[in-house]
Structures are given as C-alpha cells and as structure tokens.
Protein backbone atom coordinates (compact mmCIF):
# COMPACT_ATOMS: atom_id res chain seq x y z
CA MET A 1 34.73 69.38 31.01
CA LYS A 2 36.02 66.02 32.38
CA PHE A 3 33.09 64.13 30.78
CA GLN A 4 33.53 65.91 27.42
CA LYS A 5 37.19 64.84 27.41
CA ILE A 6 36.18 61.20 28.07
CA GLN A 7 33.58 61.34 25.29
CA THR A 8 36.16 62.82 22.89
CA LEU A 9 38.62 60.04 23.72
CA ILE A 10 35.96 57.37 23.17
CA LEU A 11 34.96 58.93 19.83
CA ALA A 12 38.60 59.02 18.76
CA ALA A 13 39.02 55.35 19.77
CA PHE A 14 35.90 54.42 17.79
CA LEU A 15 37.08 56.24 14.67
CA THR A 16 40.51 54.62 14.99
CA THR A 17 38.91 51.20 15.60
CA SER A 18 36.86 51.36 12.43
CA ALA A 19 39.78 52.50 10.21
CA VAL A 20 42.01 49.38 10.22
CA ALA A 21 41.16 45.75 9.45
CA PHE A 22 43.15 42.72 8.41
CA SER A 23 41.66 39.86 6.45
CA PHE A 24 42.31 36.54 8.18
CA THR A 25 41.70 33.10 6.68
CA ALA A 26 41.70 30.12 9.01
CA GLU A 27 44.21 27.44 8.04
CA GLU A 28 42.84 24.97 10.55
CA THR A 29 39.73 24.70 12.73
CA LEU A 30 39.89 27.50 15.25
CA ASP A 31 37.62 28.38 18.18
CA ALA A 32 36.13 31.88 18.23
CA PHE A 33 35.15 33.01 21.74
CA ILE A 34 32.41 35.28 23.11
CA ARG A 35 34.90 37.08 25.39
CA PRO A 36 38.66 37.36 25.05
CA HIS A 37 39.56 34.59 27.45
CA PRO A 38 40.35 30.87 26.95
CA GLU A 39 37.65 29.86 29.48
CA ALA A 40 34.95 31.94 27.80
CA ASP A 41 32.12 30.28 25.91
CA ILE A 42 32.92 29.30 22.34
CA TRP A 43 30.81 31.29 19.91
CA ALA A 44 31.67 29.24 16.82
CA LYS A 45 34.40 27.28 15.14
CA LEU A 46 36.13 28.86 12.16
CA LEU A 47 36.72 26.12 9.63
CA PRO A 48 39.70 25.96 7.30
CA GLY A 49 39.19 28.50 4.51
CA GLU A 50 36.73 30.70 6.48
CA GLU A 51 37.63 34.37 6.40
CA VAL A 52 37.02 37.16 8.91
CA ASN A 53 38.20 40.76 9.10
CA LEU A 54 40.22 41.34 12.26
CA GLU A 55 39.41 44.86 13.52
CA VAL A 56 40.79 45.18 17.05
CA ARG A 57 43.06 43.56 19.61
CA THR A 58 43.31 43.50 23.37
CA GLU A 59 46.46 44.31 25.34
CA SER A 60 46.90 40.56 25.91
CA GLY A 61 46.81 39.85 22.16
CA TRP A 62 43.27 38.57 21.56
CA LEU A 63 42.02 39.44 18.08
CA GLY A 64 38.50 40.76 17.61
CA PHE A 65 36.25 40.57 14.57
CA ASP A 66 32.70 41.66 13.88
CA PRO A 67 30.70 38.43 13.47
CA GLY A 68 28.41 39.98 10.85
CA VAL A 69 25.25 38.66 12.49
CA ALA A 70 22.90 40.36 14.92
CA GLN A 71 24.22 40.25 18.47
CA ALA A 72 21.23 41.76 20.27
CA ALA A 73 22.17 45.10 21.79
CA ASN A 74 25.87 44.37 22.20
CA THR A 75 28.05 47.45 22.33
CA CYS A 76 31.78 48.28 22.62
CA SER A 77 33.98 45.16 22.99
CA PHE A 78 30.92 42.91 23.37
CA ARG A 79 30.10 43.32 19.67
CA TYR A 80 33.26 41.41 18.70
CA ARG A 81 34.05 37.72 18.68
CA TRP A 82 37.56 36.77 19.66
CA LEU A 83 40.42 34.65 18.36
CA PRO A 84 43.19 33.72 20.80
CA PRO A 85 46.66 35.24 20.75
CA GLY A 86 48.87 33.48 18.22
CA ALA A 87 45.95 32.57 15.93
CA THR A 88 47.79 34.23 13.06
CA THR A 89 51.44 34.81 12.25
CA VAL A 90 50.55 37.96 10.33
CA SER A 91 51.50 41.13 12.23
CA THR A 92 48.39 42.63 13.82
CA GLY A 93 50.30 45.33 15.73
CA GLU A 94 48.54 48.09 13.80
CA LEU A 95 45.11 47.00 15.00
CA PRO A 96 43.70 49.36 17.64
CA VAL A 97 43.86 48.13 21.22
CA VAL A 98 40.44 47.99 22.93
CA TRP A 99 39.24 47.36 26.47
CA ALA A 100 38.58 43.69 27.26
CA PRO A 101 35.71 42.66 29.57
CA THR A 102 36.59 40.45 32.52
CA LEU A 103 35.39 36.85 32.42
CA TYR A 104 32.48 36.02 34.76
CA VAL A 105 31.59 39.68 35.35
CA SER A 106 28.19 41.09 34.37
CA TYR A 107 28.20 44.41 32.56
CA ALA A 108 25.60 47.09 31.95
CA MET A 109 25.76 48.11 28.27
CA THR A 110 24.57 51.57 27.37
CA GLN A 111 22.74 52.57 24.20
CA VAL A 112 22.51 56.23 25.21
CA GLU A 113 24.39 58.46 27.62
CA THR A 114 23.57 57.20 31.11
CA PRO A 115 23.99 59.26 34.30
CA VAL A 116 25.72 57.72 37.31
CA TYR A 117 24.34 58.84 40.67
CA ALA A 118 25.84 58.67 44.17
CA GLY A 119 22.66 57.04 45.44
CA GLN A 120 19.41 55.67 44.15
CA ASP A 121 18.02 59.13 43.42
CA THR A 122 17.62 60.71 39.97
CA THR A 123 17.19 64.19 41.47
CA SER A 124 20.82 64.29 42.70
CA THR A 125 23.67 65.62 40.59
CA PRO A 126 25.28 62.86 38.52
CA LEU A 127 28.82 61.77 39.50
CA ALA A 128 29.56 60.92 35.86
CA VAL A 129 27.93 60.04 32.59
CA ILE A 130 28.55 56.71 30.88
CA PRO A 131 28.84 57.40 27.15
CA ALA A 132 26.47 55.78 24.68
CA ASN A 133 27.65 52.39 23.39
CA SER A 134 29.84 51.67 26.38
CA ALA A 135 29.74 49.24 29.31
CA VAL A 136 30.44 49.20 33.06
CA SER A 137 30.70 46.34 35.52
CA ILE A 138 27.75 45.67 37.78
CA VAL A 139 28.75 45.21 41.43
CA GLY A 140 25.31 45.31 43.05
CA ILE A 141 21.58 45.23 42.36
CA SER A 142 18.69 46.94 44.14
CA VAL A 143 15.22 46.45 42.60
CA THR A 144 15.38 49.00 39.72
CA TRP A 145 18.98 50.12 40.19
CA PHE A 146 22.44 48.72 39.44
CA ARG A 147 25.52 49.65 41.48
CA ILE A 148 28.32 49.99 38.94
CA ASP A 149 32.10 50.30 38.91
CA MET A 150 33.51 52.49 36.12
CA SER A 151 37.08 51.30 36.80
CA ASP A 152 36.10 48.04 35.05
CA SER A 153 34.97 49.71 31.83
CA PRO A 154 36.38 51.29 28.68
CA GLU A 155 36.37 54.62 30.58
CA ASN A 156 38.56 53.21 33.36
CA ILE A 157 37.81 55.91 35.90
CA ASP A 158 37.61 55.38 39.66
CA ILE A 159 33.89 56.03 40.17
CA GLN A 160 31.29 53.78 41.71
CA GLY A 161 27.65 54.75 41.71
CA TRP A 162 24.11 53.84 40.72
CA ILE A 163 22.33 53.73 37.36
CA LEU A 164 18.71 52.94 36.54
CA SER A 165 18.47 49.32 35.39
CA GLU A 166 15.86 50.21 32.74
CA SER A 167 18.39 52.35 30.87
CA VAL A 168 20.80 49.52 30.00
CA SER A 169 21.02 45.94 28.76
CA ILE A 170 23.10 43.22 30.43
CA ASN A 171 25.97 41.14 29.12
C-alpha cells in the first residue's frame, strides 16, 4: 500500500509537471547548467534571442527546461537543463516544483521499477521499490550492487538498501 501511494504521488507530479510551460527568450547570454547549482558544469550558453520552454522549478528557484536533444538515459530531474534563479523577471510561480539532485553526488537512475533489498540478496523481501524513471543517491558500491539512500531522491523516504547495479544507469 505504501509503495502504491508513492507511485501515485510520482505519477501525479509527472502529470502536473508536463501540464505547464512558459516560453522564455534570453535577452543576454546566459549559462544553462547540467544540475541546478552555480558550481555545476555548464551545459550550454543561451544566446540573446534563443528560446526555451521552462517546465519546472526547484524549491531554490532554479528553472528547468527540456533541452530537446538526446540525453542518454536521463530520467526525472536529470532530463532538464537549468537556468539560475532570477534568470527571468516573468513570474514562474505556477511551474511545478521538482526534486533537485545534490551537486557532486552520484545517482542511480531507474528505467523500470527497481527493488531495494536489505542486503545483497535478491531472494529477500524488498524494503521498497524505486519507481521507474526516478533516481536515488549511491552511497556505496560492492561489485554488482549499489548501496543507495532513498532520502536523497524524489521519493524522499528514509530507507537505505541495496540494488543491482545492472538495473540502473548512473548520473
């Protein structure tokens, strides 16, 4: 029941996220970042006159847009590129707020539902299931397993456990 509730919340967030967008045209050259943080790598520079559709925002005010080019297997907030707070004077308060990944943390991105185990054993009962198209922070590595922390994820639940490394991609 708990996992169904989490999946329902994530689906609702996805539907809300895809419903609102604001067209933004750069008035001056503006850095677009890979992650929503001023020390993150710069993905590209928006030149004056370039337009993007702002789709989401973080709690700290970073503005996310879909770059419109293949981004490997990026899911959830990793699929966006980010403009810093204050990049526009247009009100973006109606944009949905999304989880923001922490700078310098590696994340396991899921393409399918991924079980989280208490130990490195697929025969045990899962502690949780990471939804498809989500991400969780990686806090340890053991040959074919990742130790993960779901408190640093869109799910934001206090569970640490193990997932098979072959079932995810890394960002």
